[in-house]
Amino acid sequence: MATLRAAELARARTAERFRGLGAHALEVAKLGSRTRSTFGVVAYFPSKPKKAVPKTIEVTDQHRKHVVPIRVKIAEPFELEGRPE
């Protein structure tokens, strides 16, 4: 199981890698079921990624190794609306 801190670390360390794969956003979220959950990184892509996306990322936090799961979601990038007049 990955801690929130480990998932945040994984997101920060791999942001550029995911950007290179075409991701437009990353978030840290609780993943799993009610009885067994862990924190992971959710990568948002505008369409199915052309290159393989890793299923996990291994990070070391305070001399402990954590395996952080990765989930891929397909969603259009967020666009800001115009300013209200």
Protein backbone atom coordinates (compact mmCIF):
# COMPACT_ATOMS: atom_id res chain seq x y z
CA MET A 1 0.00 0.00 0.00
CA ALA A 2 1.21 3.46 -0.87
CA THR A 3 0.86 6.38 1.49
CA LEU A 4 -0.36 9.81 0.47
CA ARG A 5 3.18 11.12 0.85
CA ALA A 6 4.59 8.37 -1.42
CA ALA A 7 1.92 9.05 -4.07
CA GLU A 8 2.67 12.80 -4.00
CA LEU A 9 6.37 12.02 -4.36
CA ALA A 10 5.68 9.70 -7.32
CA ARG A 11 3.54 12.38 -9.00
CA ALA A 12 6.21 15.04 -8.56
CA ARG A 13 9.06 12.83 -9.76
CA THR A 14 7.29 11.57 -12.89
CA ALA A 15 5.32 14.63 -14.03
CA GLU A 16 7.62 15.34 -16.98
CA ARG A 17 7.65 11.69 -18.01
CA PHE A 18 3.85 11.63 -18.15
CA ARG A 19 3.76 14.94 -19.99
CA GLY A 20 6.03 13.33 -22.60
CA LEU A 21 3.55 10.48 -22.93
CA GLY A 22 0.76 13.00 -23.60
CA ALA A 23 -0.88 13.41 -20.19
CA HIS A 24 -2.43 16.82 -19.59
CA ALA A 25 -3.04 16.39 -15.84
CA LEU A 26 -2.00 14.27 -12.88
CA GLU A 27 -3.74 13.86 -9.57
CA VAL A 28 -3.17 11.88 -6.41
CA ALA A 29 -6.26 9.97 -5.33
CA LYS A 30 -7.33 7.15 -3.07
CA LEU A 31 -7.66 4.00 -5.19
CA GLY A 32 -9.19 0.62 -4.44
CA SER A 33 -12.21 -0.64 -2.58
CA ARG A 34 -13.71 0.30 0.76
CA THR A 35 -11.94 -2.54 2.53
CA ARG A 36 -8.56 -2.24 0.78
CA SER A 37 -7.45 1.12 -0.51
CA THR A 38 -4.18 2.83 -1.27
CA PHE A 39 -3.10 6.14 -2.71
CA GLY A 40 -2.04 6.32 -6.33
CA VAL A 41 -1.49 8.65 -9.29
CA VAL A 42 -4.23 9.23 -11.87
CA ALA A 43 -2.94 10.36 -15.27
CA TYR A 44 -5.41 12.13 -17.57
CA PHE A 45 -5.00 11.81 -21.34
CA PRO A 46 -7.17 13.39 -24.08
CA SER A 47 -7.26 10.00 -25.88
CA LYS A 48 -5.76 6.54 -25.48
CA PRO A 49 -1.98 6.94 -25.03
CA LYS A 50 0.07 5.81 -28.03
CA LYS A 51 2.94 4.62 -25.82
CA ALA A 52 2.75 2.24 -22.89
CA VAL A 53 2.02 3.83 -19.52
CA PRO A 54 3.54 2.15 -16.45
CA LYS A 55 1.10 0.42 -14.09
CA THR A 56 3.17 1.31 -11.02
CA ILE A 57 5.99 3.61 -9.94
CA GLU A 58 8.46 2.66 -7.24
CA VAL A 59 9.64 5.47 -4.96
CA THR A 60 11.76 5.56 -1.83
CA ASP A 61 10.60 7.73 1.04
CA GLN A 62 12.64 7.84 4.25
CA HIS A 63 14.50 4.64 3.28
CA ARG A 64 11.24 2.73 2.63
CA LYS A 65 10.26 1.57 -0.84
CA HIS A 66 6.67 2.14 -1.92
CA VAL A 67 4.96 0.83 -5.05
CA VAL A 68 2.50 3.49 -6.20
CA PRO A 69 -0.25 2.37 -8.60
CA ILE A 70 -1.00 4.37 -11.75
CA ARG A 71 -4.46 4.71 -13.29
CA VAL A 72 -5.18 6.17 -16.72
CA LYS A 73 -8.34 8.17 -17.39
CA ILE A 74 -9.42 9.59 -20.73
CA ALA A 75 -10.74 13.15 -20.43
CA GLU A 76 -10.53 16.35 -22.43
CA PRO A 77 -8.25 19.07 -21.02
CA PHE A 78 -9.98 21.65 -18.88
CA GLU A 79 -10.57 24.97 -20.60
CA LEU A 80 -11.07 28.20 -18.71
CA GLU A 81 -14.26 30.08 -19.41
CA GLY A 82 -14.27 33.78 -20.13
CA ARG A 83 -14.36 36.25 -17.28
CA PRO A 84 -17.86 37.20 -16.10
CA GLU A 85 -18.91 40.67 -17.13
